[in-house]
C-alpha atoms as a PDB file:
ATOM      1  CA  UNK A   1     -10.102  35.827  39.016  1.00  0.00           C
ATOM      2  CA  UNK A   2      -9.591  33.491  36.889  1.00  0.00           C
ATOM      3  CA  UNK A   3     -11.404  31.615  34.634  1.00  0.00           C
ATOM      4  CA  UNK A   4     -12.015  28.259  36.021  1.00  0.00           C
ATOM      5  CA  UNK A   5     -13.110  30.080  39.901  1.00  0.00           C
ATOM      6  CA  UNK A   6     -13.279  33.613  40.605  1.00  0.00           C
ATOM      7  CA  UNK A   7     -11.738  34.223  44.306  1.00  0.00           C
ATOM      8  CA  UNK A   8     -12.781  37.344  46.095  1.00  0.00           C
ATOM      9  CA  UNK A   9      -9.930  39.630  46.913  1.00  0.00           C
ATOM     10  CA  UNK A  10      -9.806  42.847  47.585  1.00  0.00           C
ATOM     11  CA  UNK A  11      -7.241  45.626  48.366  1.00  0.00           C
ATOM     12  CA  UNK A  12      -5.588  45.163  51.967  1.00  0.00           C
ATOM     13  CA  UNK A  13      -6.011  41.696  52.353  1.00  0.00           C
ATOM     14  CA  UNK A  14      -3.192  39.712  54.142  1.00  0.00           C
ATOM     15  CA  UNK A  15      -1.322  37.518  51.397  1.00  0.00           C
ATOM     16  CA  UNK A  16      -0.103  34.059  53.322  1.00  0.00           C
ATOM     17  CA  UNK A  17       2.709  30.839  52.142  1.00  0.00           C
ATOM     18  CA  UNK A  18       0.789  27.899  52.170  1.00  0.00           C
ATOM     19  CA  UNK A  19       3.495  27.654  55.768  1.00  0.00           C
ATOM     20  CA  UNK A  20       1.647  29.882  57.768  1.00  0.00           C
ATOM     21  CA  UNK A  21       4.283  33.008  57.038  1.00  0.00           C
ATOM     22  CA  UNK A  22       2.281  36.520  56.478  1.00  0.00           C
ATOM     23  CA  UNK A  23       3.919  37.693  53.317  1.00  0.00           C
ATOM     24  CA  UNK A  24       2.451  41.153  52.639  1.00  0.00           C
ATOM     25  CA  UNK A  25      -1.192  42.609  51.727  1.00  0.00           C
ATOM     26  CA  UNK A  26      -2.973  42.904  48.405  1.00  0.00           C
ATOM     27  CA  UNK A  27      -1.996  45.957  46.620  1.00  0.00           C
ATOM     28  CA  UNK A  28      -3.539  45.772  43.560  1.00  0.00           C
ATOM     29  CA  UNK A  29      -6.090  43.505  41.853  1.00  0.00           C
ATOM     30  CA  UNK A  30      -5.854  42.703  38.377  1.00  0.00           C
ATOM     31  CA  UNK A  31      -7.672  39.890  35.707  1.00  0.00           C
ATOM     32  CA  UNK A  32      -5.166  37.231  36.203  1.00  0.00           C
ATOM     33  CA  UNK A  33      -3.317  38.203  39.221  1.00  0.00           C
ATOM     34  CA  UNK A  34      -2.711  39.875  42.266  1.00  0.00           C
ATOM     35  CA  UNK A  35       0.080  42.258  42.967  1.00  0.00           C
ATOM     36  CA  UNK A  36       1.536  42.109  46.390  1.00  0.00           C
ATOM     37  CA  UNK A  37       3.672  44.275  48.320  1.00  0.00           C
ATOM     38  CA  UNK A  38       5.429  42.484  50.569  1.00  0.00           C
ATOM     39  CA  UNK A  39       5.793  43.085  55.123  1.00  0.00           C
ATOM     40  CA  UNK A  40       9.454  44.304  55.817  1.00  0.00           C
ATOM     41  CA  UNK A  41      11.850  46.988  56.222  1.00  0.00           C
ATOM     42  CA  UNK A  42      12.632  46.957  52.428  1.00  0.00           C
ATOM     43  CA  UNK A  43       8.753  45.687  50.720  1.00  0.00           C
ATOM     44  CA  UNK A  44       9.204  44.480  47.533  1.00  0.00           C
ATOM     45  CA  UNK A  45       6.509  43.291  45.076  1.00  0.00           C
ATOM     46  CA  UNK A  46       4.786  40.260  44.033  1.00  0.00           C
ATOM     47  CA  UNK A  47       3.266  39.222  41.223  1.00  0.00           C
ATOM     48  CA  UNK A  48       0.898  36.654  41.997  1.00  0.00           C
ATOM     49  CA  UNK A  49      -0.542  34.889  39.227  1.00  0.00           C
ATOM     50  CA  UNK A  50      -4.236  33.679  40.108  1.00  0.00           C
ATOM     51  CA  UNK A  51      -3.600  29.700  39.468  1.00  0.00           C
ATOM     52  CA  UNK A  52      -0.735  30.342  43.002  1.00  0.00           C
ATOM     53  CA  UNK A  53      -3.659  31.477  45.054  1.00  0.00           C
ATOM     54  CA  UNK A  54      -5.139  28.503  47.206  1.00  0.00           C
ATOM     55  CA  UNK A  55      -7.768  30.096  49.062  1.00  0.00           C
ATOM     56  CA  UNK A  56      -9.108  33.567  49.178  1.00  0.00           C
ATOM     57  CA  UNK A  57     -11.415  34.512  51.621  1.00  0.00           C
ATOM     58  CA  UNK A  58     -12.338  36.638  55.136  1.00  0.00           C
ATOM     59  CA  UNK A  59      -9.663  39.187  54.159  1.00  0.00           C
ATOM     60  CA  UNK A  60      -6.835  36.623  53.766  1.00  0.00           C
ATOM     61  CA  UNK A  61      -5.283  35.168  50.467  1.00  0.00           C
ATOM     62  CA  UNK A  62      -3.231  31.610  51.070  1.00  0.00           C
ATOM     63  CA  UNK A  63      -0.550  30.628  48.921  1.00  0.00           C
ATOM     64  CA  UNK A  64       0.323  27.693  46.986  1.00  0.00           C
ATOM     65  CA  UNK A  65       4.305  28.393  47.705  1.00  0.00           C
ATOM     66  CA  UNK A  66       6.016  28.272  50.799  1.00  0.00           C
ATOM     67  CA  UNK A  67       7.666  31.899  51.827  1.00  0.00           C
ATOM     68  CA  UNK A  68      10.664  31.748  50.212  1.00  0.00           C
ATOM     69  CA  UNK A  69       9.503  29.611  47.537  1.00  0.00           C
ATOM     70  CA  UNK A  70       6.750  32.900  47.044  1.00  0.00           C
ATOM     71  CA  UNK A  71       9.476  35.007  46.858  1.00  0.00           C
ATOM     72  CA  UNK A  72      11.546  32.981  44.369  1.00  0.00           C
ATOM     73  CA  UNK A  73       8.979  32.221  41.643  1.00  0.00           C
ATOM     74  CA  UNK A  74       7.055  35.886  41.652  1.00  0.00           C
ATOM     75  CA  UNK A  75       9.069  38.210  42.959  1.00  0.00           C
ATOM     76  CA  UNK A  76      10.269  40.893  39.380  1.00  0.00           C
ATOM     77  CA  UNK A  77      11.468  44.597  38.696  1.00  0.00           C
ATOM     78  CA  UNK A  78       8.426  46.828  37.989  1.00  0.00           C
ATOM     79  CA  UNK A  79      10.153  46.510  34.297  1.00  0.00           C
ATOM     80  CA  UNK A  80       9.227  42.931  33.828  1.00  0.00           C
ATOM     81  CA  UNK A  81       5.937  43.227  35.578  1.00  0.00           C
ATOM     82  CA  UNK A  82       3.297  40.819  33.602  1.00  0.00           C
ATOM     83  CA  UNK A  83       0.826  43.373  32.265  1.00  0.00           C
ATOM     84  CA  UNK A  84       3.588  45.530  30.481  1.00  0.00           C
END
């Protein structure tokens, strides 16, 4: 997933902040980022770059950012998505 270290990540894996909070699930996997659909009543999309991922294994992805920080850094309206 990233040029330095390929992290095996699949659609449906749970995504956690570095402080252990469940943020959501992987909705799509791209070459250099993950599209994460957040959990909750009004889900939003997070576009997490590969360098924002600390670990990925056994159906779990752990991000470099804490919960609120992840939303601030990686939430973008669809028209500003990295892929286009």
